């Protein structure tokens, strides 16, 4: 079980993300779903959460599943859904 770490507001690094249309649409859909539950999260907050989940996902991959993820990541690099 990982230990929870607290971050401080305004302590992050600014990073510009280039999102294709498909990824931006997915980000906006995530924001809309949260708003349906009265959660007004920014795109930055949703992106941070997604990155943390993706890291946990990658850490659990091995061999063939990692190869499959590499293939999917290359597809995303080309803008393929």
Protein backbone atom coordinates (compact mmCIF):
# COMPACT_ATOMS: atom_id res chain seq x y z
CA UNK A 1 0.00 0.00 0.00
CA UNK A 2 1.48 3.35 -1.00
CA UNK A 3 1.78 6.13 1.51
CA UNK A 4 -0.32 9.21 0.86
CA UNK A 5 1.68 12.35 0.19
CA UNK A 6 0.37 15.87 0.61
CA UNK A 7 1.21 18.54 -1.93
CA UNK A 8 1.08 22.26 -1.36
CA UNK A 9 -0.99 24.62 -3.47
CA UNK A 10 1.00 26.64 -5.99
CA UNK A 11 3.99 24.30 -5.57
CA UNK A 12 3.69 22.54 -8.93
CA UNK A 13 5.57 22.98 -12.15
CA UNK A 14 3.84 24.42 -15.17
CA UNK A 15 3.87 22.09 -18.13
CA UNK A 16 2.19 22.65 -21.46
CA UNK A 17 0.37 19.57 -22.78
CA UNK A 18 -0.43 19.09 -26.44
CA UNK A 19 -3.71 17.21 -26.55
CA UNK A 20 -5.19 15.92 -29.77
CA UNK A 21 -8.91 16.32 -30.38
CA UNK A 22 -9.73 12.85 -29.04
CA UNK A 23 -7.79 13.37 -25.79
CA UNK A 24 -9.18 16.86 -25.24
CA UNK A 25 -12.71 15.55 -25.78
CA UNK A 26 -12.05 12.83 -23.19
CA UNK A 27 -10.70 15.41 -20.72
CA UNK A 28 -13.78 17.60 -21.18
CA UNK A 29 -16.05 14.57 -20.76
CA UNK A 30 -14.31 13.73 -17.47
CA UNK A 31 -14.85 17.30 -16.29
CA UNK A 32 -18.54 17.17 -17.26
CA UNK A 33 -19.08 13.89 -15.40
CA UNK A 34 -17.52 15.40 -12.27
CA UNK A 35 -19.68 18.49 -12.63
CA UNK A 36 -22.72 16.22 -12.73
CA UNK A 37 -21.71 15.20 -9.20
CA UNK A 38 -21.21 18.85 -8.15
CA UNK A 39 -17.40 18.54 -8.35
CA UNK A 40 -15.93 21.54 -10.14
CA UNK A 41 -12.45 20.21 -10.86
CA UNK A 42 -10.12 21.97 -13.27
CA UNK A 43 -8.52 20.28 -16.25
CA UNK A 44 -5.23 20.38 -14.33
CA UNK A 45 -6.66 18.44 -11.40
CA UNK A 46 -8.19 15.81 -13.67
CA UNK A 47 -4.93 15.50 -15.61
CA UNK A 48 -2.92 15.06 -12.38
CA UNK A 49 -5.27 12.33 -11.23
CA UNK A 50 -5.08 10.60 -14.61
CA UNK A 51 -1.27 10.68 -14.59
CA UNK A 52 -1.13 9.17 -11.11
CA UNK A 53 -3.50 6.39 -12.16
CA UNK A 54 -1.49 5.75 -15.32
CA UNK A 55 1.73 5.45 -13.31
CA UNK A 56 0.10 2.89 -11.02
CA UNK A 57 -1.15 1.03 -14.08
CA UNK A 58 2.32 0.99 -15.71
CA UNK A 59 3.99 -0.21 -12.53
CA UNK A 60 1.76 -3.29 -12.60
CA UNK A 61 2.61 -4.28 -16.17
CA UNK A 62 5.05 -6.98 -17.20
CA UNK A 63 6.24 -8.56 -20.43
CA UNK A 64 3.39 -9.01 -22.90
CA UNK A 65 1.06 -6.55 -21.20
CA UNK A 66 3.80 -3.90 -21.35
CA UNK A 67 4.32 -4.62 -25.04
CA UNK A 68 0.60 -4.16 -25.61
CA UNK A 69 0.67 -0.85 -23.72
CA UNK A 70 3.62 0.34 -25.82
CA UNK A 71 1.59 -0.43 -28.96
CA UNK A 72 -1.39 1.52 -27.61
CA UNK A 73 0.85 4.43 -26.61
CA UNK A 74 2.35 4.55 -30.11
CA UNK A 75 -1.19 4.62 -31.51
CA UNK A 76 -1.99 7.58 -29.24
CA UNK A 77 1.17 9.33 -30.47
CA UNK A 78 -0.25 9.08 -33.99
CA UNK A 79 -3.65 10.37 -32.86
CA UNK A 80 -5.37 7.02 -33.40
CA UNK A 81 -8.19 6.08 -31.05
